Amino acid sequence: MAETSGRIFGLLRSLAGAFLKSGPRSATSTAPPRHRPGARGGNRPAGRPASSATARGLSSPYPGDFRGTSRAHYAPRPDGAADPGEIVWTWVPYEEDHRQGKDRPVLVVGRTPSHLLAVMLTSKDHTDDHRGVNDYIDLGTGPWDRQGRPSEAKLDRILQISEADIRREGAVLDARRFALVAGGLRSRHGWS
């Protein structure tokens, strides 16, 4: 009995030492949670691999923001894959440091052969921004925000997202609001 108690005490002491060496995790850590549900809150459909999160929360290094023109087309389909017109949650690298980021909703607006193209959503109100260029389109509220806050689509940055990095789908944006975003992409970036 004393030998068993000694082994248990030794194990607890080594676990406590390992915890103290690694330090406590901050509540504002930039690493995403290790597991997220798949599309539409269930398991990820067959054919869509689960994200093998790196330290950045992405399945592969971020290729950088999309530069150039594309076509904004509304094509949501209830097939479990992310399509233009759908709002999904993914790991979004910060603009100033792609090694860090945050899990957030994005609106899928198009595709390239290898990536989804998306704009970030924010609940911060930018109505009073007086920078000369309107980088935000008001979308109002929707089921992608559990707190029911109004959202805006940020047009000055077009993200390239791998389908493997989609954590879950949040909603399908209606065609009228998608058309507002598409119009903003046409006037700001020359999209068709």
N, C-alpha and C. Protein backbone atom coordinates (compact mmCIF):
# COMPACT_ATOMS: atom_id res chain seq x y z
N MET A 1 0.83 -1.19 0.00
CA MET A 1 0.00 0.00 0.00
C MET A 1 0.87 1.25 0.00
N ALA A 2 1.93 1.27 0.82
CA ALA A 2 2.81 2.43 0.89
C ALA A 2 3.53 2.61 -0.45
N GLU A 3 3.88 1.49 -1.11
CA GLU A 3 4.56 1.58 -2.41
C GLU A 3 3.63 2.20 -3.46
N THR A 4 2.34 1.80 -3.47
CA THR A 4 1.36 2.36 -4.40
C THR A 4 1.16 3.84 -4.13
N SER A 5 1.03 4.22 -2.87
CA SER A 5 0.86 5.64 -2.51
C SER A 5 2.07 6.44 -2.95
N GLY A 6 3.26 5.87 -2.83
CA GLY A 6 4.48 6.57 -3.25
C GLY A 6 4.50 6.80 -4.75
N ARG A 7 4.05 5.79 -5.52
CA ARG A 7 4.00 5.95 -6.98
C ARG A 7 2.98 7.01 -7.39
N ILE A 8 1.83 6.99 -6.74
CA ILE A 8 0.79 7.99 -7.06
C ILE A 8 1.29 9.38 -6.73
N PHE A 9 1.94 9.55 -5.56
CA PHE A 9 2.48 10.84 -5.18
C PHE A 9 3.54 11.30 -6.17
N GLY A 10 4.39 10.39 -6.62
CA GLY A 10 5.43 10.73 -7.61
C GLY A 10 4.81 11.17 -8.94
N LEU A 11 3.77 10.49 -9.36
CA LEU A 11 3.09 10.84 -10.60
C LEU A 11 2.46 12.23 -10.49
N LEU A 12 1.78 12.49 -9.39
CA LEU A 12 1.16 13.81 -9.18
C LEU A 12 2.22 14.91 -9.15
N ARG A 13 3.35 14.63 -8.51
CA ARG A 13 4.43 15.63 -8.44
C ARG A 13 4.98 15.92 -9.83
N SER A 14 5.15 14.89 -10.69
CA SER A 14 5.69 15.12 -12.03
C SER A 14 4.67 15.86 -12.90
N LEU A 15 3.37 15.57 -12.74
CA LEU A 15 2.34 16.30 -13.49
C LEU A 15 2.30 17.76 -13.07
N ALA A 16 2.39 18.02 -11.78
CA ALA A 16 2.40 19.41 -11.30
C ALA A 16 3.63 20.14 -11.82
N GLY A 17 4.76 19.48 -11.88
CA GLY A 17 5.98 20.11 -12.41
C GLY A 17 5.84 20.44 -13.88
N ALA A 18 5.25 19.53 -14.63
CA ALA A 18 5.05 19.78 -16.06
C ALA A 18 4.10 20.95 -16.27
N PHE A 19 3.05 21.06 -15.45
CA PHE A 19 2.12 22.17 -15.56
C PHE A 19 2.81 23.49 -15.23
N LEU A 20 3.62 23.50 -14.20
CA LEU A 20 4.30 24.74 -13.81
C LEU A 20 5.31 25.16 -14.86
N LYS A 21 5.97 24.21 -15.54
CA LYS A 21 6.91 24.56 -16.60
C LYS A 21 6.20 25.19 -17.79
N SER A 22 5.04 24.64 -18.17
CA SER A 22 4.34 25.16 -19.34
C SER A 22 3.62 26.46 -19.02
N GLY A 23 3.32 26.72 -17.79
CA GLY A 23 2.65 27.96 -17.39
C GLY A 23 1.16 27.87 -17.65
N PRO A 24 0.40 28.70 -16.98
CA PRO A 24 -1.05 28.68 -17.19
C PRO A 24 -1.39 29.25 -18.55
N ARG A 25 -2.47 28.81 -19.12
CA ARG A 25 -2.92 29.31 -20.42
C ARG A 25 -3.73 30.58 -20.20
N SER A 26 -3.47 31.56 -21.01
CA SER A 26 -4.18 32.82 -20.92
C SER A 26 -5.57 32.68 -21.50
N ALA A 27 -6.53 33.40 -20.96
CA ALA A 27 -7.88 33.40 -21.48
C ALA A 27 -7.93 34.08 -22.85
N THR A 28 -6.91 34.87 -23.19
CA THR A 28 -6.88 35.56 -24.48
C THR A 28 -5.87 34.92 -25.41
N SER A 29 -5.60 33.65 -25.23
CA SER A 29 -4.67 32.94 -26.10
C SER A 29 -5.10 33.07 -27.55
N THR A 30 -4.11 33.16 -28.45
CA THR A 30 -4.44 33.29 -29.86
C THR A 30 -4.65 31.94 -30.53
N ALA A 31 -4.38 30.85 -29.84
CA ALA A 31 -4.59 29.53 -30.44
C ALA A 31 -6.07 29.17 -30.38
N PRO A 32 -6.63 28.60 -31.44
CA PRO A 32 -8.04 28.24 -31.44
C PRO A 32 -8.26 26.99 -30.61
N PRO A 33 -9.51 26.74 -30.23
CA PRO A 33 -9.80 25.48 -29.55
C PRO A 33 -9.41 24.31 -30.43
N ARG A 34 -9.05 23.20 -29.80
CA ARG A 34 -8.57 22.05 -30.56
C ARG A 34 -9.68 21.37 -31.36
N HIS A 35 -10.91 21.38 -30.88
CA HIS A 35 -11.97 20.67 -31.58
C HIS A 35 -13.16 21.59 -31.75
N ARG A 36 -13.69 21.61 -32.94
CA ARG A 36 -14.90 22.35 -33.24
C ARG A 36 -15.83 21.42 -34.00
N PRO A 37 -17.13 21.61 -33.86
CA PRO A 37 -18.04 20.78 -34.64
C PRO A 37 -17.90 21.07 -36.12
N GLY A 38 -18.29 20.12 -36.94
CA GLY A 38 -18.21 20.29 -38.39
C GLY A 38 -19.33 21.16 -38.92
N ALA A 39 -19.55 21.09 -40.18
CA ALA A 39 -20.54 21.92 -40.85
C ALA A 39 -21.93 21.70 -40.28
N ARG A 40 -22.69 22.77 -40.21
CA ARG A 40 -24.08 22.77 -39.74
C ARG A 40 -24.22 22.15 -38.36
N GLY A 41 -23.18 22.28 -37.53
CA GLY A 41 -23.24 21.84 -36.15
C GLY A 41 -23.10 20.35 -35.96
N GLY A 42 -23.01 19.57 -37.01
CA GLY A 42 -22.87 18.12 -36.88
C GLY A 42 -21.48 17.69 -37.25
N ASN A 43 -21.35 16.43 -37.58
CA ASN A 43 -20.05 15.94 -38.04
C ASN A 43 -19.78 16.46 -39.43
N ARG A 44 -18.53 16.63 -39.76
CA ARG A 44 -18.12 17.11 -41.07
C ARG A 44 -18.53 16.07 -42.11
N PRO A 45 -19.15 16.50 -43.20
CA PRO A 45 -19.60 15.55 -44.22
C PRO A 45 -18.43 14.79 -44.82
N ALA A 46 -18.74 13.61 -45.37
CA ALA A 46 -17.71 12.82 -46.04
C ALA A 46 -17.13 13.64 -47.18
N GLY A 47 -15.84 13.51 -47.38
CA GLY A 47 -15.19 14.25 -48.45
C GLY A 47 -14.62 15.58 -47.99
N ARG A 48 -15.00 16.06 -46.82
CA ARG A 48 -14.43 17.29 -46.28
C ARG A 48 -13.56 16.93 -45.10
N PRO A 49 -12.25 16.98 -45.25
CA PRO A 49 -11.37 16.56 -44.17
C PRO A 49 -11.47 17.51 -42.98
N ALA A 50 -11.31 16.96 -41.80
CA ALA A 50 -11.28 17.78 -40.60
C ALA A 50 -10.01 18.61 -40.61
N SER A 51 -10.06 19.78 -40.00
CA SER A 51 -8.90 20.66 -39.95
C SER A 51 -7.83 20.04 -39.07
N SER A 52 -6.64 19.90 -39.61
CA SER A 52 -5.51 19.46 -38.80
C SER A 52 -4.79 20.73 -38.38
N ALA A 53 -5.28 21.34 -37.33
CA ALA A 53 -4.85 22.68 -36.92
C ALA A 53 -3.37 22.73 -36.60
N THR A 54 -2.70 23.70 -37.20
CA THR A 54 -1.32 23.99 -36.85
C THR A 54 -1.36 24.97 -35.69
N ALA A 55 -0.22 25.50 -35.31
CA ALA A 55 -0.18 26.47 -34.22
C ALA A 55 -1.04 27.68 -34.54
N ARG A 56 -1.25 27.97 -35.83
CA ARG A 56 -2.06 29.12 -36.24
C ARG A 56 -3.53 28.78 -36.33
N GLY A 57 -3.90 27.53 -36.26
CA GLY A 57 -5.28 27.15 -36.41
C GLY A 57 -5.66 26.86 -37.84
N LEU A 58 -4.70 26.83 -38.75
CA LEU A 58 -4.97 26.56 -40.16
C LEU A 58 -4.36 25.22 -40.55
N SER A 59 -4.96 24.58 -41.55
CA SER A 59 -4.44 23.30 -42.00
C SER A 59 -3.16 23.44 -42.81
N SER A 60 -2.91 24.64 -43.34
CA SER A 60 -1.68 24.93 -44.08
C SER A 60 -1.37 26.41 -43.90
N PRO A 61 -0.17 26.85 -44.23
CA PRO A 61 0.16 28.27 -44.05
C PRO A 61 -0.80 29.17 -44.82
N TYR A 62 -1.14 30.29 -44.24
CA TYR A 62 -2.06 31.23 -44.88
C TYR A 62 -1.40 31.78 -46.14
N PRO A 63 -2.09 31.71 -47.30
CA PRO A 63 -1.48 32.15 -48.55
C PRO A 63 -1.44 33.66 -48.73
N GLY A 64 -2.03 34.39 -47.81
CA GLY A 64 -2.11 35.84 -47.93
C GLY A 64 -3.48 36.25 -48.44
N ASP A 65 -3.81 37.50 -48.27
CA ASP A 65 -5.09 38.01 -48.72
C ASP A 65 -5.14 37.99 -50.25
N PHE A 66 -6.34 37.84 -50.78
CA PHE A 66 -6.55 37.78 -52.22
C PHE A 66 -6.35 39.17 -52.82
N ARG A 67 -5.57 39.22 -53.88
CA ARG A 67 -5.35 40.46 -54.64
C ARG A 67 -5.82 40.18 -56.07
N GLY A 68 -6.51 41.08 -56.65
CA GLY A 68 -6.99 40.87 -58.01
C GLY A 68 -8.49 40.91 -58.07
N THR A 69 -9.03 40.44 -59.18
CA THR A 69 -10.47 40.47 -59.36
C THR A 69 -11.02 39.06 -59.45
N SER A 70 -12.28 38.94 -59.13
CA SER A 70 -12.98 37.67 -59.21
C SER A 70 -14.44 37.99 -59.50
N ARG A 71 -15.27 37.00 -59.32
CA ARG A 71 -16.71 37.18 -59.55
C ARG A 71 -17.45 36.83 -58.27
N ALA A 72 -18.24 37.78 -57.78
CA ALA A 72 -19.09 37.51 -56.62
C ALA A 72 -20.39 36.89 -57.14
N HIS A 73 -20.62 35.65 -56.79
CA HIS A 73 -21.83 34.99 -57.26
C HIS A 73 -22.53 34.32 -56.09
N TYR A 74 -23.83 34.44 -56.07
CA TYR A 74 -24.65 33.91 -54.99
C TYR A 74 -25.04 32.48 -55.33
N ALA A 75 -24.53 31.52 -54.58
CA ALA A 75 -24.79 30.11 -54.90
C ALA A 75 -24.84 29.22 -53.67
N PRO A 76 -25.61 29.59 -52.63
CA PRO A 76 -25.67 28.70 -51.46
C PRO A 76 -26.41 27.40 -51.79
N ARG A 77 -25.89 26.29 -51.29
CA ARG A 77 -26.51 24.98 -51.48
C ARG A 77 -26.49 24.25 -50.14
N PRO A 78 -27.55 23.59 -49.77
CA PRO A 78 -27.58 22.86 -48.49
C PRO A 78 -26.88 21.51 -48.60
N ASP A 79 -25.57 21.55 -48.92
CA ASP A 79 -24.83 20.31 -49.13
C ASP A 79 -23.73 20.08 -48.10
N GLY A 80 -23.64 20.94 -47.11
CA GLY A 80 -22.60 20.78 -46.09
C GLY A 80 -21.27 21.41 -46.44
N ALA A 81 -21.10 21.85 -47.68
CA ALA A 81 -19.87 22.53 -48.09
C ALA A 81 -20.13 24.04 -48.09
N ALA A 82 -19.09 24.82 -47.88
CA ALA A 82 -19.24 26.27 -47.86
C ALA A 82 -19.37 26.80 -49.28
N ASP A 83 -20.38 27.59 -49.53
CA ASP A 83 -20.65 28.13 -50.85
C ASP A 83 -20.82 29.64 -50.76
N PRO A 84 -20.61 30.36 -51.87
CA PRO A 84 -20.84 31.81 -51.88
C PRO A 84 -22.27 32.14 -51.46
N GLY A 85 -22.38 33.06 -50.52
CA GLY A 85 -23.68 33.41 -49.96
C GLY A 85 -23.87 32.84 -48.56
N GLU A 86 -22.95 31.98 -48.12
CA GLU A 86 -23.06 31.38 -46.79
C GLU A 86 -22.08 32.03 -45.83
N ILE A 87 -22.49 32.13 -44.59
CA ILE A 87 -21.62 32.64 -43.54
C ILE A 87 -21.11 31.43 -42.77
N VAL A 88 -19.79 31.34 -42.66
CA VAL A 88 -19.16 30.21 -41.98
C VAL A 88 -18.18 30.76 -40.94
N TRP A 89 -17.80 29.91 -40.02
CA TRP A 89 -16.81 30.27 -39.00
C TRP A 89 -15.48 29.63 -39.36
N THR A 90 -14.42 30.39 -39.26
CA THR A 90 -13.08 29.90 -39.55
C THR A 90 -12.07 30.73 -38.78
N TRP A 91 -10.84 30.27 -38.80
CA TRP A 91 -9.72 30.97 -38.19
C TRP A 91 -9.26 32.06 -39.15
N VAL A 92 -9.33 33.32 -38.72
CA VAL A 92 -8.95 34.45 -39.57
C VAL A 92 -7.64 35.04 -39.05
N PRO A 93 -6.58 34.96 -39.84
CA PRO A 93 -5.30 35.55 -39.41
C PRO A 93 -5.41 37.07 -39.34
N TYR A 94 -4.73 37.65 -38.36
CA TYR A 94 -4.69 39.10 -38.27
C TYR A 94 -3.98 39.67 -39.48
N GLU A 95 -4.39 40.84 -39.91
CA GLU A 95 -3.82 41.48 -41.09
C GLU A 95 -2.34 41.79 -40.90
N GLU A 96 -1.97 42.23 -39.71
CA GLU A 96 -0.60 42.64 -39.46
C GLU A 96 0.33 41.49 -39.08
N ASP A 97 -0.22 40.33 -38.73
CA ASP A 97 0.60 39.18 -38.35
C ASP A 97 -0.19 37.91 -38.63
N HIS A 98 0.07 37.26 -39.76
CA HIS A 98 -0.68 36.08 -40.15
C HIS A 98 -0.42 34.88 -39.26
N ARG A 99 0.55 34.97 -38.35
CA ARG A 99 0.81 33.87 -37.43
C ARG A 99 -0.17 33.87 -36.27
N GLN A 100 -0.92 34.94 -36.11
CA GLN A 100 -1.92 35.04 -35.04
C GLN A 100 -3.26 35.35 -35.67
N GLY A 101 -4.32 35.10 -34.95
CA GLY A 101 -5.64 35.37 -35.50
C GLY A 101 -6.74 35.07 -34.51
N LYS A 102 -7.92 34.90 -35.06
CA LYS A 102 -9.11 34.75 -34.22
C LYS A 102 -10.15 33.95 -34.98
N ASP A 103 -10.91 33.12 -34.28
CA ASP A 103 -12.01 32.38 -34.88
C ASP A 103 -13.18 33.34 -35.03
N ARG A 104 -13.69 33.49 -36.27
CA ARG A 104 -14.75 34.47 -36.48
C ARG A 104 -15.59 34.12 -37.70
N PRO A 105 -16.76 34.77 -37.84
CA PRO A 105 -17.60 34.51 -39.01
C PRO A 105 -17.10 35.26 -40.23
N VAL A 106 -17.23 34.63 -41.38
CA VAL A 106 -16.88 35.25 -42.66
C VAL A 106 -18.00 34.93 -43.65
N LEU A 107 -18.19 35.83 -44.62
CA LEU A 107 -19.14 35.60 -45.69
C LEU A 107 -18.38 35.13 -46.91
N VAL A 108 -18.70 33.94 -47.40
CA VAL A 108 -18.06 33.42 -48.60
C VAL A 108 -18.66 34.19 -49.79
N VAL A 109 -17.76 34.77 -50.61
CA VAL A 109 -18.21 35.60 -51.73
C VAL A 109 -17.78 35.05 -53.09
N GLY A 110 -16.88 34.09 -53.13
CA GLY A 110 -16.42 33.54 -54.40
C GLY A 110 -15.43 32.41 -54.17
N ARG A 111 -14.77 32.00 -55.25
CA ARG A 111 -13.80 30.90 -55.19
C ARG A 111 -12.67 31.13 -56.18
N THR A 112 -11.54 30.54 -55.87
CA THR A 112 -10.45 30.34 -56.82
C THR A 112 -10.34 28.83 -56.98
N PRO A 113 -9.49 28.34 -57.84
CA PRO A 113 -9.36 26.88 -57.94
C PRO A 113 -8.95 26.21 -56.62
N SER A 114 -8.24 26.92 -55.76
CA SER A 114 -7.73 26.28 -54.54
C SER A 114 -8.30 26.83 -53.23
N HIS A 115 -9.00 27.95 -53.26
CA HIS A 115 -9.48 28.56 -52.01
C HIS A 115 -10.87 29.15 -52.17
N LEU A 116 -11.55 29.26 -51.03
CA LEU A 116 -12.76 30.07 -50.96
C LEU A 116 -12.32 31.52 -50.77
N LEU A 117 -13.07 32.46 -51.29
CA LEU A 117 -12.82 33.87 -51.06
C LEU A 117 -13.91 34.37 -50.12
N ALA A 118 -13.52 35.12 -49.11
CA ALA A 118 -14.48 35.55 -48.10
C ALA A 118 -14.13 36.92 -47.55
N VAL A 119 -15.15 37.59 -47.02
CA VAL A 119 -14.94 38.84 -46.31
C VAL A 119 -15.33 38.61 -44.85
N MET A 120 -14.61 39.27 -43.99
CA MET A 120 -14.79 39.12 -42.56
C MET A 120 -16.03 39.89 -42.10
N LEU A 121 -16.73 39.34 -41.10
CA LEU A 121 -17.85 40.04 -40.49
C LEU A 121 -17.40 40.58 -39.14
N THR A 122 -17.95 41.71 -38.77
CA THR A 122 -17.65 42.31 -37.48
C THR A 122 -18.93 42.84 -36.87
N SER A 123 -19.01 42.80 -35.54
CA SER A 123 -20.17 43.37 -34.86
C SER A 123 -19.87 44.80 -34.39
N LYS A 124 -18.66 45.27 -34.62
CA LYS A 124 -18.31 46.64 -34.26
C LYS A 124 -18.92 47.59 -35.30
N ASP A 125 -19.57 48.64 -34.84
CA ASP A 125 -20.22 49.59 -35.75
C ASP A 125 -19.21 50.57 -36.32
N HIS A 126 -19.15 50.65 -37.65
CA HIS A 126 -18.23 51.56 -38.33
C HIS A 126 -18.96 52.66 -39.08
N THR A 127 -20.22 52.94 -38.70
CA THR A 127 -21.03 53.95 -39.37
C THR A 127 -20.37 55.32 -39.33
N ASP A 128 -19.71 55.66 -38.24
CA ASP A 128 -19.12 56.98 -38.09
C ASP A 128 -17.69 57.08 -38.58
N ASP A 129 -17.19 56.05 -39.29
CA ASP A 129 -15.84 56.14 -39.86
C ASP A 129 -15.86 57.19 -40.97
N HIS A 130 -14.96 58.14 -40.89
CA HIS A 130 -14.90 59.21 -41.89
C HIS A 130 -13.56 59.17 -42.61
N ARG A 131 -13.23 58.03 -43.18
CA ARG A 131 -11.94 57.88 -43.85
C ARG A 131 -12.06 58.12 -45.35
N GLY A 132 -13.23 58.47 -45.85
CA GLY A 132 -13.38 58.74 -47.27
C GLY A 132 -13.81 57.54 -48.09
N VAL A 133 -13.49 56.33 -47.66
CA VAL A 133 -13.87 55.12 -48.38
C VAL A 133 -14.72 54.28 -47.44
N ASN A 134 -15.87 53.84 -47.94
CA ASN A 134 -16.71 52.99 -47.10
C ASN A 134 -16.25 51.55 -47.26
N ASP A 135 -15.58 51.05 -46.24
CA ASP A 135 -15.05 49.69 -46.25
C ASP A 135 -16.02 48.68 -45.65
N TYR A 136 -17.19 49.13 -45.20
CA TYR A 136 -18.13 48.26 -44.50
C TYR A 136 -19.52 48.34 -45.10
N ILE A 137 -20.19 47.20 -45.16
CA ILE A 137 -21.58 47.11 -45.60
C ILE A 137 -22.39 46.58 -44.43
N ASP A 138 -23.43 47.32 -44.04
CA ASP A 138 -24.31 46.88 -42.96
C ASP A 138 -25.12 45.67 -43.41
N LEU A 139 -25.09 44.61 -42.60
CA LEU A 139 -25.85 43.40 -42.90
C LEU A 139 -27.03 43.20 -41.96
N GLY A 140 -27.02 43.88 -40.82
CA GLY A 140 -28.07 43.66 -39.83
C GLY A 140 -27.78 42.42 -39.00
N THR A 141 -28.83 41.86 -38.45
CA THR A 141 -28.67 40.71 -37.55
C THR A 141 -28.95 39.41 -38.31
N GLY A 142 -28.49 38.33 -37.71
CA GLY A 142 -28.71 37.01 -38.29
C GLY A 142 -28.28 35.91 -37.35
N PRO A 143 -28.58 34.67 -37.68
CA PRO A 143 -28.28 33.55 -36.79
C PRO A 143 -26.79 33.25 -36.62
N TRP A 144 -25.92 33.89 -37.39
CA TRP A 144 -24.48 33.68 -37.23
C TRP A 144 -23.95 34.31 -35.95
N ASP A 145 -24.70 35.26 -35.36
CA ASP A 145 -24.29 35.90 -34.11
C ASP A 145 -25.29 35.52 -33.03
N ARG A 146 -24.87 34.68 -32.10
CA ARG A 146 -25.77 34.17 -31.06
C ARG A 146 -26.30 35.26 -30.14
N GLN A 147 -25.59 36.40 -30.08
CA GLN A 147 -26.04 37.50 -29.22
C GLN A 147 -26.99 38.44 -29.96
N GLY A 148 -27.25 38.19 -31.23
CA GLY A 148 -28.19 39.00 -31.99
C GLY A 148 -27.68 40.39 -32.33
N ARG A 149 -26.36 40.56 -32.35
CA ARG A 149 -25.80 41.89 -32.66
C ARG A 149 -25.82 42.12 -34.17
N PRO A 150 -26.03 43.38 -34.60
CA PRO A 150 -25.92 43.69 -36.03
C PRO A 150 -24.48 43.49 -36.50
N SER A 151 -24.34 43.04 -37.74
CA SER A 151 -23.01 42.79 -38.30
C SER A 151 -22.76 43.67 -39.51
N GLU A 152 -21.48 43.84 -39.81
CA GLU A 152 -21.05 44.54 -41.00
C GLU A 152 -20.03 43.66 -41.72
N ALA A 153 -20.06 43.70 -43.05
CA ALA A 153 -19.05 42.98 -43.85
C ALA A 153 -17.93 43.96 -44.15
N LYS A 154 -16.70 43.54 -43.90
CA LYS A 154 -15.50 44.37 -44.10
C LYS A 154 -14.96 44.10 -45.50
N LEU A 155 -15.01 45.11 -46.37
CA LEU A 155 -14.69 44.91 -47.79
C LEU A 155 -13.23 45.15 -48.16
N ASP A 156 -12.45 45.76 -47.29
CA ASP A 156 -11.09 46.13 -47.69
C ASP A 156 -10.11 44.97 -47.65
N ARG A 157 -10.55 43.81 -47.19
CA ARG A 157 -9.67 42.64 -47.08
C ARG A 157 -10.42 41.40 -47.55
N ILE A 158 -9.89 40.74 -48.57
CA ILE A 158 -10.52 39.52 -49.07
C ILE A 158 -9.64 38.34 -48.66
N LEU A 159 -10.22 37.47 -47.87
CA LEU A 159 -9.49 36.34 -47.30
C LEU A 159 -9.51 35.16 -48.26
N GLN A 160 -8.42 34.39 -48.25
CA GLN A 160 -8.36 33.11 -48.97
C GLN A 160 -8.43 32.01 -47.93
N ILE A 161 -9.44 31.18 -48.01
CA ILE A 161 -9.70 30.18 -46.97
C ILE A 161 -9.73 28.79 -47.58
N SER A 162 -9.04 27.88 -46.94
CA SER A 162 -9.11 26.48 -47.36
C SER A 162 -10.39 25.87 -46.80
N GLU A 163 -11.07 25.06 -47.59
CA GLU A 163 -12.29 24.42 -47.11
C GLU A 163 -12.04 23.56 -45.87
N ALA A 164 -10.82 23.05 -45.73
CA ALA A 164 -10.49 22.22 -44.57
C ALA A 164 -10.49 23.04 -43.28
N ASP A 165 -10.43 24.36 -43.39
CA ASP A 165 -10.36 25.20 -42.20
C ASP A 165 -11.71 25.76 -41.75
N ILE A 166 -12.79 25.38 -42.43
CA ILE A 166 -14.12 25.81 -42.02
C ILE A 166 -14.49 25.04 -40.76
N ARG A 167 -14.84 25.76 -39.70
CA ARG A 167 -15.18 25.12 -38.43
C ARG A 167 -16.66 24.72 -38.39
N ARG A 168 -17.53 25.64 -38.85
CA ARG A 168 -18.97 25.34 -38.88
C ARG A 168 -19.65 26.40 -39.74
N GLU A 169 -20.84 26.07 -40.20
CA GLU A 169 -21.62 27.02 -40.97
C GLU A 169 -22.53 27.78 -40.02
N GLY A 170 -22.70 29.08 -40.28
CA GLY A 170 -23.51 29.90 -39.39
C GLY A 170 -24.87 30.23 -39.97
N ALA A 171 -24.95 30.46 -41.28
CA ALA A 171 -26.22 30.86 -41.88
C ALA A 171 -26.06 31.03 -43.37
N VAL A 172 -27.19 31.13 -44.04
CA VAL A 172 -27.21 31.54 -45.44
C VAL A 172 -27.70 32.98 -45.44
N LEU A 173 -26.92 33.87 -46.04
CA LEU A 173 -27.31 35.27 -46.16
C LEU A 173 -28.31 35.37 -47.31
N ASP A 174 -29.35 36.17 -47.14
CA ASP A 174 -30.33 36.30 -48.21
C ASP A 174 -29.72 37.01 -49.42
N ALA A 175 -30.32 36.80 -50.59
CA ALA A 175 -29.79 37.32 -51.85
C ALA A 175 -29.71 38.84 -51.87
N ARG A 176 -30.67 39.53 -51.24
CA ARG A 176 -30.66 41.00 -51.23
C ARG A 176 -29.45 41.54 -50.50
N ARG A 177 -29.13 41.00 -49.33
CA ARG A 177 -27.96 41.49 -48.59
C ARG A 177 -26.66 41.06 -49.27
N PHE A 178 -26.64 39.86 -49.86
CA PHE A 178 -25.45 39.44 -50.60
C PHE A 178 -25.19 40.39 -51.77
N ALA A 179 -26.26 40.84 -52.44
CA ALA A 179 -26.12 41.76 -53.57
C ALA A 179 -25.47 43.07 -53.12
N LEU A 180 -25.75 43.53 -51.91
CA LEU A 180 -25.11 44.74 -51.39
C LEU A 180 -23.60 44.54 -51.26
N VAL A 181 -23.21 43.38 -50.73
CA VAL A 181 -21.78 43.07 -50.59
C VAL A 181 -21.13 42.94 -51.96
N ALA A 182 -21.79 42.24 -52.88
CA ALA A 182 -21.25 42.07 -54.24
C ALA A 182 -21.08 43.42 -54.91
N GLY A 183 -22.03 44.33 -54.73
CA GLY A 183 -21.91 45.67 -55.29
C GLY A 183 -20.72 46.41 -54.71
N GLY A 184 -20.50 46.25 -53.41
CA GLY A 184 -19.34 46.87 -52.77
C GLY A 184 -18.03 46.31 -53.31
N LEU A 185 -17.98 45.00 -53.57
CA LEU A 185 -16.78 44.38 -54.13
C LEU A 185 -16.55 44.86 -55.56
N ARG A 186 -17.63 45.05 -56.31
CA ARG A 186 -17.48 45.56 -57.69
C ARG A 186 -16.91 46.97 -57.68
N SER A 187 -17.47 47.85 -56.84
CA SER A 187 -17.01 49.24 -56.86
C SER A 187 -15.64 49.40 -56.22
N ARG A 188 -15.33 48.61 -55.21
CA ARG A 188 -14.05 48.79 -54.51
C ARG A 188 -12.90 48.02 -55.18
N HIS A 189 -13.18 46.82 -55.68
CA HIS A 189 -12.12 45.95 -56.20
C HIS A 189 -12.25 45.60 -57.68
N GLY A 190 -13.28 46.08 -58.35
CA GLY A 190 -13.44 45.80 -59.78
C GLY A 190 -13.93 44.39 -60.08
N TRP A 191 -14.60 43.75 -59.11
CA TRP A 191 -15.14 42.41 -59.34
C TRP A 191 -16.29 42.46 -60.33
N SER A 192 -16.61 41.32 -60.90
CA SER A 192 -17.77 41.24 -61.80
C SER A 192 -18.92 40.59 -61.06
